[in-house]
Amino acid sequence: MKIYSLCVLLVICAGCAAAQQAPVSVQDEPHHHLVLKNDFVIVMHVVIPAGEATLYHTHSYDRAAIHLTNNRIAIQLPDQPEGEAMPAKVGEISASTRQGAPLTHKVHNTGPGTFEVMDVEFLKRPDHPSTTVAAPVAAENASARIYNWVLAPGASSAMHTHERPYLILAVNTVQLKMTAPDGKSSVHEVKAGDFHWTDSKVTHSLANDGASEGQIVEIELK
């Protein structure tokens, strides 16, 4: 009887383990915290403590990622061994275009410290992408262009125009001064991961009104 009970228990546990490996939607993955969803984008703040890993989860759209911390992470695809841990650095930007089937993987933070990244998923790939470019392009995919501003204290970007909806995001703490063509300006203290979505045409320059270097990323839809 005891042997039979043990066998049953092992079968049940094996079934539980298998069930835990079933991929979930990226929005249902516990380390992915939804901070914005509209008709165009899903924005998630991903937070993975050192030593932890996400569940297997699926990305179904073109996407961009902006790293907020320095860590080492390892990626694992279904039915494959975990890959080698690679460095993830503050301010790194990536943009990927979904090719064929959605991407399913899990992410393991091997440390040190908590891994944080802003993940932006683009819900609509344009049939006729805009050819208008607001500034030098740091990265792009089929859905969006990314502009990266690393501003020393007192430095300013050129005046530039966003013709399409865009997301502006802070990589670190900075006193951000935004100036319109008429000279009117506003200053905002922004912290790592702070963002703002704008769906109307905007012309402005960005300046660092603080005492330390700041990095601002703008992600504009095509």
N, C-alpha and C. Protein backbone atom coordinates (compact mmCIF):
# COMPACT_ATOMS: atom_id res chain seq x y z
N MET A 1 0.83 -1.21 0.00
CA MET A 1 0.00 0.00 0.00
C MET A 1 0.86 1.25 0.00
N LYS A 2 1.95 1.24 0.83
CA LYS A 2 2.81 2.42 0.91
C LYS A 2 3.51 2.66 -0.42
N ILE A 3 3.96 1.54 -1.08
CA ILE A 3 4.63 1.68 -2.37
C ILE A 3 3.67 2.25 -3.40
N TYR A 4 2.44 1.73 -3.39
CA TYR A 4 1.42 2.21 -4.33
C TYR A 4 1.15 3.70 -4.11
N SER A 5 1.01 4.10 -2.84
CA SER A 5 0.74 5.51 -2.53
C SER A 5 1.88 6.40 -2.99
N LEU A 6 3.13 5.92 -2.81
CA LEU A 6 4.28 6.70 -3.23
C LEU A 6 4.29 6.87 -4.74
N CYS A 7 3.96 5.82 -5.47
CA CYS A 7 3.91 5.90 -6.93
C CYS A 7 2.86 6.90 -7.39
N VAL A 8 1.69 6.85 -6.75
CA VAL A 8 0.63 7.79 -7.09
C VAL A 8 1.09 9.22 -6.84
N LEU A 9 1.76 9.43 -5.70
CA LEU A 9 2.23 10.77 -5.35
C LEU A 9 3.24 11.28 -6.38
N LEU A 10 4.15 10.39 -6.81
CA LEU A 10 5.15 10.78 -7.80
C LEU A 10 4.50 11.14 -9.13
N VAL A 11 3.49 10.38 -9.52
CA VAL A 11 2.77 10.67 -10.77
C VAL A 11 2.08 12.02 -10.68
N ILE A 12 1.45 12.28 -9.54
CA ILE A 12 0.75 13.56 -9.35
C ILE A 12 1.74 14.71 -9.40
N CYS A 13 2.88 14.56 -8.71
CA CYS A 13 3.89 15.62 -8.69
C CYS A 13 4.46 15.86 -10.07
N ALA A 14 4.68 14.77 -10.82
CA ALA A 14 5.20 14.92 -12.17
C ALA A 14 4.21 15.68 -13.04
N GLY A 15 2.91 15.39 -12.84
CA GLY A 15 1.89 16.12 -13.59
C GLY A 15 1.87 17.59 -13.24
N CYS A 16 2.09 17.90 -11.95
CA CYS A 16 2.12 19.30 -11.53
C CYS A 16 3.30 20.02 -12.16
N ALA A 17 4.48 19.36 -12.18
CA ALA A 17 5.67 19.98 -12.75
C ALA A 17 5.47 20.25 -14.22
N ALA A 18 4.86 19.27 -14.94
CA ALA A 18 4.62 19.46 -16.36
C ALA A 18 3.68 20.62 -16.59
N ALA A 19 2.64 20.72 -15.74
CA ALA A 19 1.67 21.80 -15.91
C ALA A 19 2.33 23.16 -15.70
N GLN A 20 3.31 23.24 -14.77
CA GLN A 20 3.97 24.50 -14.49
C GLN A 20 4.82 24.96 -15.67
N GLN A 21 5.20 24.03 -16.57
CA GLN A 21 6.03 24.39 -17.71
C GLN A 21 5.22 24.89 -18.90
N ALA A 22 3.91 24.83 -18.85
CA ALA A 22 3.10 25.32 -19.96
C ALA A 22 3.29 26.82 -20.11
N PRO A 23 3.61 27.31 -21.32
CA PRO A 23 3.83 28.74 -21.50
C PRO A 23 2.58 29.56 -21.18
N VAL A 24 2.81 30.75 -20.67
CA VAL A 24 1.72 31.68 -20.39
C VAL A 24 1.89 32.90 -21.29
N SER A 25 0.83 33.66 -21.45
CA SER A 25 0.93 34.95 -22.14
C SER A 25 1.88 35.84 -21.36
N VAL A 26 2.63 36.70 -22.07
CA VAL A 26 3.57 37.57 -21.38
C VAL A 26 2.87 38.44 -20.34
N GLN A 27 1.61 38.81 -20.58
CA GLN A 27 0.89 39.63 -19.62
C GLN A 27 0.51 38.86 -18.36
N ASP A 28 0.52 37.52 -18.45
CA ASP A 28 0.18 36.69 -17.29
C ASP A 28 1.41 36.20 -16.54
N GLU A 29 2.60 36.54 -17.02
CA GLU A 29 3.83 36.11 -16.36
C GLU A 29 4.05 36.99 -15.13
N PRO A 30 4.22 36.43 -13.94
CA PRO A 30 4.21 37.22 -12.69
C PRO A 30 5.29 38.29 -12.58
N HIS A 31 6.41 38.12 -13.27
CA HIS A 31 7.48 39.12 -13.18
C HIS A 31 7.26 40.29 -14.14
N HIS A 32 6.30 40.15 -15.05
CA HIS A 32 5.99 41.20 -16.02
C HIS A 32 4.80 42.01 -15.50
N HIS A 33 5.05 43.25 -15.13
CA HIS A 33 4.02 44.10 -14.52
C HIS A 33 3.49 45.08 -15.57
N LEU A 34 2.22 44.93 -15.91
CA LEU A 34 1.61 45.79 -16.92
C LEU A 34 1.46 47.21 -16.39
N VAL A 35 2.02 48.18 -17.12
CA VAL A 35 1.94 49.58 -16.70
C VAL A 35 1.19 50.44 -17.71
N LEU A 36 1.01 49.94 -18.93
CA LEU A 36 0.24 50.68 -19.94
C LEU A 36 -0.24 49.71 -21.01
N LYS A 37 -1.51 49.86 -21.38
CA LYS A 37 -2.04 49.13 -22.52
C LYS A 37 -3.04 50.03 -23.23
N ASN A 38 -2.84 50.22 -24.54
CA ASN A 38 -3.80 50.97 -25.34
C ASN A 38 -3.95 50.28 -26.68
N ASP A 39 -4.46 50.98 -27.68
CA ASP A 39 -4.69 50.35 -28.98
C ASP A 39 -3.40 50.06 -29.74
N PHE A 40 -2.29 50.64 -29.28
CA PHE A 40 -1.04 50.55 -30.03
C PHE A 40 0.04 49.73 -29.35
N VAL A 41 0.14 49.84 -28.03
CA VAL A 41 1.26 49.21 -27.32
C VAL A 41 0.82 48.57 -26.02
N ILE A 42 1.63 47.62 -25.59
CA ILE A 42 1.59 47.10 -24.23
C ILE A 42 2.96 47.40 -23.63
N VAL A 43 2.98 48.05 -22.47
CA VAL A 43 4.24 48.36 -21.80
C VAL A 43 4.27 47.62 -20.47
N MET A 44 5.36 46.89 -20.24
CA MET A 44 5.51 46.12 -19.01
C MET A 44 6.84 46.44 -18.34
N HIS A 45 6.79 46.59 -17.02
CA HIS A 45 8.00 46.76 -16.22
C HIS A 45 8.35 45.37 -15.69
N VAL A 46 9.44 44.83 -16.18
CA VAL A 46 9.85 43.47 -15.81
C VAL A 46 10.83 43.56 -14.64
N VAL A 47 10.52 42.84 -13.56
CA VAL A 47 11.35 42.86 -12.35
C VAL A 47 11.62 41.42 -11.93
N ILE A 48 12.90 41.01 -11.98
CA ILE A 48 13.28 39.64 -11.64
C ILE A 48 14.37 39.69 -10.57
N PRO A 49 14.07 39.31 -9.32
CA PRO A 49 15.11 39.29 -8.28
C PRO A 49 16.25 38.34 -8.65
N ALA A 50 17.42 38.58 -8.08
CA ALA A 50 18.59 37.75 -8.35
C ALA A 50 18.30 36.29 -8.01
N GLY A 51 18.66 35.39 -8.91
CA GLY A 51 18.46 33.97 -8.70
C GLY A 51 17.12 33.44 -9.16
N GLU A 52 16.19 34.33 -9.47
CA GLU A 52 14.86 33.89 -9.91
C GLU A 52 14.79 33.83 -11.44
N ALA A 53 13.79 33.09 -11.91
CA ALA A 53 13.54 32.98 -13.35
C ALA A 53 12.05 33.18 -13.60
N THR A 54 11.74 33.68 -14.77
CA THR A 54 10.34 33.80 -15.16
C THR A 54 9.78 32.42 -15.49
N LEU A 55 8.47 32.36 -15.64
CA LEU A 55 7.85 31.20 -16.27
C LEU A 55 8.14 31.27 -17.77
N TYR A 56 7.97 30.14 -18.45
CA TYR A 56 7.96 30.21 -19.90
C TYR A 56 6.80 31.11 -20.31
N HIS A 57 7.08 32.09 -21.16
CA HIS A 57 6.04 33.02 -21.57
C HIS A 57 6.21 33.35 -23.05
N THR A 58 5.14 33.84 -23.66
CA THR A 58 5.11 34.01 -25.11
C THR A 58 4.95 35.47 -25.49
N HIS A 59 5.85 35.93 -26.38
CA HIS A 59 5.76 37.27 -26.98
C HIS A 59 5.19 37.10 -28.39
N SER A 60 4.08 37.79 -28.67
CA SER A 60 3.37 37.59 -29.94
C SER A 60 3.54 38.74 -30.93
N TYR A 61 4.26 39.78 -30.54
CA TYR A 61 4.35 40.98 -31.38
C TYR A 61 5.80 41.45 -31.52
N ASP A 62 6.01 42.38 -32.46
CA ASP A 62 7.27 43.11 -32.49
C ASP A 62 7.45 43.77 -31.12
N ARG A 63 8.71 43.94 -30.70
CA ARG A 63 8.90 44.47 -29.36
C ARG A 63 10.21 45.23 -29.24
N ALA A 64 10.31 46.00 -28.16
CA ALA A 64 11.53 46.72 -27.81
C ALA A 64 11.78 46.53 -26.32
N ALA A 65 13.05 46.59 -25.94
CA ALA A 65 13.42 46.44 -24.53
C ALA A 65 14.46 47.49 -24.18
N ILE A 66 14.28 48.11 -23.01
CA ILE A 66 15.22 49.11 -22.50
C ILE A 66 15.64 48.67 -21.11
N HIS A 67 16.93 48.38 -20.94
CA HIS A 67 17.44 47.86 -19.67
C HIS A 67 17.67 48.98 -18.66
N LEU A 68 17.25 48.72 -17.42
CA LEU A 68 17.36 49.71 -16.35
C LEU A 68 18.41 49.33 -15.31
N THR A 69 19.00 48.14 -15.39
CA THR A 69 19.95 47.67 -14.38
C THR A 69 21.10 46.92 -15.04
N ASN A 70 22.16 46.69 -14.25
CA ASN A 70 23.30 45.88 -14.69
C ASN A 70 23.19 44.49 -14.08
N ASN A 71 23.11 43.48 -14.91
CA ASN A 71 22.96 42.10 -14.45
C ASN A 71 23.55 41.15 -15.46
N ARG A 72 23.41 39.87 -15.16
CA ARG A 72 23.67 38.81 -16.13
C ARG A 72 22.41 37.96 -16.21
N ILE A 73 21.95 37.70 -17.42
CA ILE A 73 20.73 36.92 -17.61
C ILE A 73 20.98 35.77 -18.58
N ALA A 74 20.24 34.69 -18.36
CA ALA A 74 20.32 33.53 -19.24
C ALA A 74 18.93 33.26 -19.81
N ILE A 75 18.87 32.98 -21.09
CA ILE A 75 17.62 32.71 -21.78
C ILE A 75 17.48 31.22 -22.04
N GLN A 76 16.28 30.71 -21.85
CA GLN A 76 16.02 29.30 -22.14
C GLN A 76 14.79 29.18 -23.02
N LEU A 77 14.93 28.45 -24.13
CA LEU A 77 13.83 28.16 -25.02
C LEU A 77 13.22 26.81 -24.65
N PRO A 78 11.96 26.57 -25.00
CA PRO A 78 11.33 25.30 -24.64
C PRO A 78 12.12 24.10 -25.18
N ASP A 79 12.24 23.08 -24.35
CA ASP A 79 12.89 21.82 -24.73
C ASP A 79 14.36 21.99 -25.09
N GLN A 80 14.97 23.06 -24.57
CA GLN A 80 16.40 23.28 -24.79
C GLN A 80 17.06 23.62 -23.47
N PRO A 81 18.37 23.37 -23.35
CA PRO A 81 19.06 23.76 -22.11
C PRO A 81 19.16 25.27 -22.00
N GLU A 82 19.33 25.74 -20.78
CA GLU A 82 19.48 27.17 -20.57
C GLU A 82 20.75 27.67 -21.24
N GLY A 83 20.65 28.84 -21.88
CA GLY A 83 21.80 29.41 -22.55
C GLY A 83 22.81 29.99 -21.57
N GLU A 84 23.95 30.39 -22.08
CA GLU A 84 24.99 31.00 -21.27
C GLU A 84 24.53 32.35 -20.76
N ALA A 85 24.85 32.66 -19.51
CA ALA A 85 24.49 33.96 -18.95
C ALA A 85 25.27 35.06 -19.66
N MET A 86 24.54 36.10 -20.07
CA MET A 86 25.13 37.20 -20.80
C MET A 86 24.88 38.50 -20.04
N PRO A 87 25.77 39.49 -20.18
CA PRO A 87 25.56 40.75 -19.46
C PRO A 87 24.41 41.56 -20.03
N ALA A 88 23.64 42.17 -19.16
CA ALA A 88 22.61 43.15 -19.52
C ALA A 88 22.99 44.45 -18.81
N LYS A 89 23.12 45.53 -19.57
CA LYS A 89 23.66 46.76 -19.02
C LYS A 89 22.63 47.89 -19.04
N VAL A 90 22.71 48.75 -18.04
CA VAL A 90 21.84 49.92 -17.97
C VAL A 90 21.92 50.71 -19.27
N GLY A 91 20.75 51.03 -19.81
CA GLY A 91 20.71 51.86 -21.01
C GLY A 91 20.75 51.10 -22.31
N GLU A 92 20.97 49.79 -22.26
CA GLU A 92 20.96 49.01 -23.50
C GLU A 92 19.57 49.01 -24.10
N ILE A 93 19.52 49.08 -25.42
CA ILE A 93 18.26 49.14 -26.16
C ILE A 93 18.26 48.04 -27.21
N SER A 94 17.14 47.35 -27.33
CA SER A 94 17.01 46.36 -28.40
C SER A 94 15.63 46.48 -29.03
N ALA A 95 15.56 46.12 -30.30
CA ALA A 95 14.29 46.12 -31.02
C ALA A 95 14.24 44.87 -31.88
N SER A 96 13.18 44.11 -31.77
CA SER A 96 13.08 42.86 -32.52
C SER A 96 11.78 42.80 -33.29
N THR A 97 11.85 42.19 -34.46
CA THR A 97 10.68 41.98 -35.31
C THR A 97 10.29 40.52 -35.24
N ARG A 98 9.03 40.25 -34.92
CA ARG A 98 8.59 38.86 -34.84
C ARG A 98 8.66 38.23 -36.23
N GLN A 99 9.32 37.10 -36.30
CA GLN A 99 9.45 36.36 -37.55
C GLN A 99 8.70 35.04 -37.40
N GLY A 100 7.61 34.88 -38.14
CA GLY A 100 6.88 33.63 -38.06
C GLY A 100 6.16 33.45 -36.74
N ALA A 101 6.41 32.32 -36.08
CA ALA A 101 5.70 31.99 -34.85
C ALA A 101 6.11 32.91 -33.72
N PRO A 102 5.22 33.13 -32.74
CA PRO A 102 5.58 33.92 -31.56
C PRO A 102 6.78 33.32 -30.83
N LEU A 103 7.46 34.15 -30.06
CA LEU A 103 8.64 33.73 -29.30
C LEU A 103 8.23 33.28 -27.90
N THR A 104 8.62 32.07 -27.54
CA THR A 104 8.40 31.57 -26.18
C THR A 104 9.76 31.29 -25.54
N HIS A 105 9.95 31.81 -24.34
CA HIS A 105 11.20 31.59 -23.62
C HIS A 105 10.98 31.88 -22.14
N LYS A 106 12.04 31.64 -21.35
CA LYS A 106 12.04 32.14 -19.99
C LYS A 106 13.39 32.79 -19.72
N VAL A 107 13.40 33.70 -18.75
CA VAL A 107 14.58 34.50 -18.46
C VAL A 107 15.01 34.25 -17.02
N HIS A 108 16.29 33.93 -16.84
CA HIS A 108 16.86 33.65 -15.52
C HIS A 108 17.84 34.77 -15.17
N ASN A 109 17.60 35.44 -14.07
CA ASN A 109 18.52 36.48 -13.59
C ASN A 109 19.58 35.82 -12.71
N THR A 110 20.80 35.73 -13.23
CA THR A 110 21.87 35.11 -12.46
C THR A 110 22.58 36.11 -11.55
N GLY A 111 22.12 37.37 -11.55
CA GLY A 111 22.63 38.37 -10.64
C GLY A 111 23.73 39.22 -11.26
N PRO A 112 24.33 40.10 -10.49
CA PRO A 112 23.95 40.43 -9.09
C PRO A 112 22.79 41.42 -9.07
N GLY A 113 22.01 41.36 -8.05
CA GLY A 113 20.93 42.33 -7.87
C GLY A 113 19.72 42.04 -8.74
N THR A 114 18.69 42.84 -8.53
CA THR A 114 17.43 42.70 -9.26
C THR A 114 17.58 43.16 -10.71
N PHE A 115 17.05 42.37 -11.62
CA PHE A 115 17.05 42.71 -13.05
C PHE A 115 15.76 43.47 -13.36
N GLU A 116 15.91 44.62 -14.02
CA GLU A 116 14.74 45.41 -14.42
C GLU A 116 14.88 45.83 -15.88
N VAL A 117 13.81 45.69 -16.61
CA VAL A 117 13.79 46.10 -18.02
C VAL A 117 12.38 46.56 -18.35
N MET A 118 12.27 47.56 -19.22
CA MET A 118 10.97 47.98 -19.74
C MET A 118 10.76 47.27 -21.07
N ASP A 119 9.67 46.51 -21.16
CA ASP A 119 9.35 45.75 -22.36
C ASP A 119 8.16 46.41 -23.05
N VAL A 120 8.33 46.75 -24.32
CA VAL A 120 7.27 47.41 -25.09
C VAL A 120 6.88 46.51 -26.25
N GLU A 121 5.62 46.13 -26.31
CA GLU A 121 5.11 45.28 -27.38
C GLU A 121 4.19 46.11 -28.27
N PHE A 122 4.40 46.00 -29.59
CA PHE A 122 3.66 46.83 -30.55
C PHE A 122 2.53 46.01 -31.15
N LEU A 123 1.30 46.43 -30.90
CA LEU A 123 0.13 45.62 -31.24
C LEU A 123 -0.25 45.69 -32.71
N LYS A 124 0.21 46.73 -33.42
CA LYS A 124 -0.17 46.91 -34.82
C LYS A 124 1.07 47.20 -35.66
N ARG A 125 1.44 46.29 -36.52
CA ARG A 125 2.53 46.54 -37.46
C ARG A 125 1.96 47.33 -38.64
N PRO A 126 2.54 48.48 -39.00
CA PRO A 126 1.95 49.32 -40.05
C PRO A 126 2.07 48.68 -41.43
N ASP A 127 1.00 48.84 -42.24
CA ASP A 127 1.05 48.37 -43.63
C ASP A 127 1.92 49.29 -44.48
N HIS A 128 1.88 50.58 -44.16
CA HIS A 128 2.66 51.57 -44.90
C HIS A 128 3.43 52.42 -43.90
N PRO A 129 4.61 51.98 -43.48
CA PRO A 129 5.37 52.69 -42.46
C PRO A 129 5.72 54.12 -42.87
N SER A 130 5.68 55.01 -41.91
CA SER A 130 6.10 56.38 -42.15
C SER A 130 7.59 56.41 -42.45
N THR A 131 7.99 57.29 -43.37
CA THR A 131 9.41 57.44 -43.69
C THR A 131 10.02 58.62 -42.96
N THR A 132 9.21 59.35 -42.20
CA THR A 132 9.70 60.53 -41.48
C THR A 132 10.47 60.10 -40.24
N VAL A 133 11.69 60.59 -40.12
CA VAL A 133 12.55 60.26 -38.99
C VAL A 133 12.78 61.51 -38.17
N ALA A 134 12.54 61.43 -36.86
CA ALA A 134 12.64 62.61 -36.00
C ALA A 134 14.08 62.94 -35.63
N ALA A 135 14.94 61.92 -35.55
CA ALA A 135 16.30 62.11 -35.05
C ALA A 135 17.12 60.88 -35.47
N PRO A 136 18.43 60.86 -35.19
CA PRO A 136 19.21 59.65 -35.47
C PRO A 136 18.59 58.43 -34.79
N VAL A 137 18.47 57.35 -35.54
CA VAL A 137 17.79 56.14 -35.05
C VAL A 137 18.80 55.23 -34.35
N ALA A 138 18.50 54.92 -33.08
CA ALA A 138 19.38 54.04 -32.31
C ALA A 138 19.06 52.57 -32.55
N ALA A 139 17.79 52.27 -32.79
CA ALA A 139 17.35 50.90 -33.07
C ALA A 139 15.96 50.99 -33.69
N GLU A 140 15.57 49.96 -34.42
CA GLU A 140 14.23 49.94 -35.00
C GLU A 140 13.83 48.52 -35.34
N ASN A 141 12.53 48.35 -35.51
CA ASN A 141 11.98 47.11 -36.03
C ASN A 141 10.88 47.47 -37.03
N ALA A 142 10.04 46.51 -37.39
CA ALA A 142 9.03 46.77 -38.40
C ALA A 142 7.93 47.71 -37.90
N SER A 143 7.85 47.93 -36.60
CA SER A 143 6.75 48.71 -36.02
C SER A 143 7.16 50.07 -35.50
N ALA A 144 8.41 50.27 -35.12
CA ALA A 144 8.79 51.50 -34.42
C ALA A 144 10.26 51.84 -34.64
N ARG A 145 10.56 53.14 -34.41
CA ARG A 145 11.94 53.62 -34.38
C ARG A 145 12.25 54.11 -32.97
N ILE A 146 13.50 53.92 -32.55
CA ILE A 146 13.90 54.31 -31.20
C ILE A 146 15.00 55.36 -31.29
N TYR A 147 14.80 56.46 -30.56
CA TYR A 147 15.78 57.53 -30.48
C TYR A 147 16.34 57.55 -29.06
N ASN A 148 17.66 57.61 -28.96
CA ASN A 148 18.33 57.50 -27.67
C ASN A 148 19.09 58.78 -27.38
N TRP A 149 18.72 59.46 -26.29
CA TRP A 149 19.37 60.72 -25.92
C TRP A 149 20.14 60.52 -24.62
N VAL A 150 21.46 60.56 -24.70
CA VAL A 150 22.31 60.52 -23.52
C VAL A 150 22.84 61.94 -23.33
N LEU A 151 22.35 62.60 -22.28
CA LEU A 151 22.56 64.04 -22.12
C LEU A 151 23.40 64.33 -20.88
N ALA A 152 24.54 64.99 -21.10
CA ALA A 152 25.35 65.48 -19.99
C ALA A 152 24.61 66.64 -19.32
N PRO A 153 24.98 66.99 -18.09
CA PRO A 153 24.34 68.14 -17.44
C PRO A 153 24.42 69.38 -18.33
N GLY A 154 23.27 70.00 -18.56
CA GLY A 154 23.21 71.20 -19.38
C GLY A 154 23.08 70.95 -20.87
N ALA A 155 23.25 69.70 -21.31
CA ALA A 155 23.18 69.38 -22.73
C ALA A 155 21.73 69.29 -23.20
N SER A 156 21.53 69.49 -24.50
CA SER A 156 20.19 69.49 -25.08
C SER A 156 20.20 68.74 -26.40
N SER A 157 19.08 68.13 -26.72
CA SER A 157 18.91 67.53 -28.04
C SER A 157 18.59 68.64 -29.04
N ALA A 158 18.63 68.29 -30.31
CA ALA A 158 18.12 69.21 -31.33
C ALA A 158 16.60 69.27 -31.23
N MET A 159 16.02 70.35 -31.72
CA MET A 159 14.57 70.42 -31.84
C MET A 159 14.14 69.36 -32.86
N HIS A 160 13.16 68.56 -32.52
CA HIS A 160 12.73 67.50 -33.42
C HIS A 160 11.23 67.28 -33.30
N THR A 161 10.65 66.66 -34.33
CA THR A 161 9.20 66.49 -34.42
C THR A 161 8.82 65.02 -34.48
N HIS A 162 7.87 64.65 -33.63
CA HIS A 162 7.26 63.32 -33.68
C HIS A 162 5.94 63.43 -34.44
N GLU A 163 5.90 62.85 -35.62
CA GLU A 163 4.69 62.87 -36.44
C GLU A 163 3.70 61.80 -36.01
N ARG A 164 4.21 60.76 -35.38
CA ARG A 164 3.40 59.61 -35.02
C ARG A 164 3.34 59.47 -33.50
N PRO A 165 2.40 58.68 -32.97
CA PRO A 165 2.36 58.44 -31.52
C PRO A 165 3.70 57.90 -31.02
N TYR A 166 4.06 58.29 -29.81
CA TYR A 166 5.36 57.85 -29.28
C TYR A 166 5.33 57.73 -27.77
N LEU A 167 6.31 56.98 -27.27
CA LEU A 167 6.51 56.77 -25.83
C LEU A 167 7.85 57.37 -25.46
N ILE A 168 7.88 58.21 -24.43
CA ILE A 168 9.14 58.74 -23.91
C ILE A 168 9.40 58.09 -22.56
N LEU A 169 10.64 57.66 -22.33
CA LEU A 169 10.95 56.83 -21.16
C LEU A 169 12.31 57.22 -20.59
N ALA A 170 12.38 57.29 -19.27
CA ALA A 170 13.64 57.62 -18.59
C ALA A 170 14.38 56.35 -18.20
N VAL A 171 15.68 56.33 -18.46
CA VAL A 171 16.52 55.20 -18.07
C VAL A 171 17.07 55.40 -16.66
N ASN A 172 17.27 56.65 -16.27
CA ASN A 172 17.75 56.95 -14.93
C ASN A 172 17.13 58.26 -14.46
N THR A 173 17.48 58.67 -13.25
CA THR A 173 16.92 59.90 -12.70
C THR A 173 17.53 61.10 -13.40
N VAL A 174 16.68 62.02 -13.84
CA VAL A 174 17.17 63.20 -14.55
C VAL A 174 16.14 64.33 -14.41
N GLN A 175 16.65 65.55 -14.36
CA GLN A 175 15.79 66.73 -14.43
C GLN A 175 15.60 67.02 -15.92
N LEU A 176 14.47 66.63 -16.45
CA LEU A 176 14.22 66.72 -17.89
C LEU A 176 13.50 68.02 -18.24
N LYS A 177 14.14 68.82 -19.07
CA LYS A 177 13.56 70.07 -19.53
C LYS A 177 13.09 69.88 -20.97
N MET A 178 11.81 70.13 -21.20
CA MET A 178 11.22 69.98 -22.53
C MET A 178 10.84 71.37 -23.02
N THR A 179 11.32 71.72 -24.22
CA THR A 179 11.11 73.06 -24.75
C THR A 179 10.43 72.99 -26.11
N ALA A 180 9.37 73.79 -26.29
CA ALA A 180 8.63 73.87 -27.54
C ALA A 180 9.28 74.90 -28.47
N PRO A 181 8.91 74.90 -29.75
CA PRO A 181 9.49 75.87 -30.69
C PRO A 181 9.27 77.32 -30.30
N ASP A 182 8.20 77.62 -29.55
CA ASP A 182 7.95 79.01 -29.14
C ASP A 182 8.78 79.42 -27.92
N GLY A 183 9.61 78.51 -27.43
CA GLY A 183 10.47 78.81 -26.29
C GLY A 183 9.90 78.43 -24.94
N LYS A 184 8.62 78.10 -24.89
CA LYS A 184 8.03 77.69 -23.63
C LYS A 184 8.59 76.33 -23.21
N SER A 185 8.88 76.20 -21.92
CA SER A 185 9.50 74.96 -21.45
C SER A 185 8.90 74.52 -20.13
N SER A 186 9.11 73.26 -19.82
CA SER A 186 8.69 72.70 -18.53
C SER A 186 9.78 71.74 -18.08
N VAL A 187 9.95 71.63 -16.77
CA VAL A 187 10.97 70.75 -16.20
C VAL A 187 10.28 69.68 -15.36
N HIS A 188 10.70 68.45 -15.56
CA HIS A 188 10.11 67.31 -14.85
C HIS A 188 11.23 66.47 -14.25
N GLU A 189 11.11 66.12 -12.98
CA GLU A 189 12.06 65.17 -12.38
C GLU A 189 11.55 63.77 -12.66
N VAL A 190 12.28 63.03 -13.47
CA VAL A 190 11.86 61.69 -13.84
C VAL A 190 12.86 60.67 -13.30
N LYS A 191 12.35 59.48 -13.03
CA LYS A 191 13.17 58.41 -12.46
C LYS A 191 13.19 57.22 -13.42
N ALA A 192 14.09 56.29 -13.17
CA ALA A 192 14.23 55.12 -14.04
C ALA A 192 12.89 54.41 -14.19
N GLY A 193 12.48 54.20 -15.44
CA GLY A 193 11.22 53.52 -15.72
C GLY A 193 10.03 54.43 -15.87
N ASP A 194 10.17 55.72 -15.51
CA ASP A 194 9.06 56.66 -15.74
C ASP A 194 8.84 56.82 -17.24
N PHE A 195 7.59 56.97 -17.65
CA PHE A 195 7.29 57.09 -19.07
C PHE A 195 6.05 57.94 -19.29
N HIS A 196 5.86 58.37 -20.53
CA HIS A 196 4.66 59.11 -20.91
C HIS A 196 4.33 58.77 -22.35
N TRP A 197 3.06 58.50 -22.60
CA TRP A 197 2.58 58.18 -23.95
C TRP A 197 1.90 59.40 -24.55
N THR A 198 2.23 59.72 -25.80
CA THR A 198 1.62 60.85 -26.49
C THR A 198 1.15 60.38 -27.86
N ASP A 199 -0.12 60.66 -28.19
CA ASP A 199 -0.64 60.21 -29.48
C ASP A 199 -0.94 61.36 -30.43
N SER A 200 -0.35 62.53 -30.18
CA SER A 200 -0.51 63.67 -31.07
C SER A 200 0.86 64.17 -31.52
N LYS A 201 0.88 64.93 -32.61
CA LYS A 201 2.14 65.46 -33.14
C LYS A 201 2.79 66.40 -32.12
N VAL A 202 4.09 66.22 -31.92
CA VAL A 202 4.82 67.03 -30.94
C VAL A 202 6.16 67.46 -31.55
N THR A 203 6.48 68.76 -31.37
CA THR A 203 7.81 69.26 -31.70
C THR A 203 8.44 69.80 -30.42
N HIS A 204 9.64 69.35 -30.10
CA HIS A 204 10.29 69.78 -28.87
C HIS A 204 11.78 69.48 -28.90
N SER A 205 12.48 70.01 -27.92
CA SER A 205 13.85 69.59 -27.63
C SER A 205 13.87 69.07 -26.20
N LEU A 206 14.84 68.24 -25.90
CA LEU A 206 15.00 67.67 -24.57
C LEU A 206 16.34 68.11 -24.00
N ALA A 207 16.34 68.55 -22.76
CA ALA A 207 17.59 69.00 -22.13
C ALA A 207 17.71 68.42 -20.74
N ASN A 208 18.95 68.25 -20.31
CA ASN A 208 19.24 67.78 -18.96
C ASN A 208 19.47 68.99 -18.08
N ASP A 209 18.51 69.27 -17.21
CA ASP A 209 18.58 70.43 -16.33
C ASP A 209 19.18 70.08 -14.97
N GLY A 210 19.72 68.87 -14.85
CA GLY A 210 20.26 68.42 -13.57
C GLY A 210 21.77 68.45 -13.52
N ALA A 211 22.33 67.77 -12.51
CA ALA A 211 23.77 67.82 -12.26
C ALA A 211 24.49 66.53 -12.63
N SER A 212 23.77 65.53 -13.12
CA SER A 212 24.40 64.27 -13.52
C SER A 212 23.84 63.82 -14.86
N GLU A 213 24.58 62.93 -15.52
CA GLU A 213 24.18 62.48 -16.85
C GLU A 213 22.82 61.80 -16.83
N GLY A 214 22.02 62.03 -17.86
CA GLY A 214 20.71 61.42 -17.96
C GLY A 214 20.52 60.75 -19.31
N GLN A 215 19.69 59.74 -19.34
CA GLN A 215 19.38 59.04 -20.59
C GLN A 215 17.88 58.97 -20.77
N ILE A 216 17.43 59.46 -21.91
CA ILE A 216 16.01 59.46 -22.27
C ILE A 216 15.85 58.72 -23.58
N VAL A 217 14.86 57.84 -23.65
CA VAL A 217 14.59 57.07 -24.85
C VAL A 217 13.20 57.44 -25.37
N GLU A 218 13.11 57.68 -26.67
CA GLU A 218 11.82 57.94 -27.32
C GLU A 218 11.56 56.83 -28.33
N ILE A 219 10.38 56.24 -28.23
CA ILE A 219 10.00 55.13 -29.11
C ILE A 219 8.80 55.59 -29.93
N GLU A 220 9.01 55.79 -31.22
CA GLU A 220 7.97 56.35 -32.08
C GLU A 220 7.46 55.29 -33.05
N LEU A 221 6.14 55.16 -33.13
CA LEU A 221 5.54 54.20 -34.05
C LEU A 221 5.83 54.60 -35.49
N LYS A 222 5.96 53.59 -36.34
CA LYS A 222 6.10 53.85 -37.77
C LYS A 222 4.73 54.00 -38.42
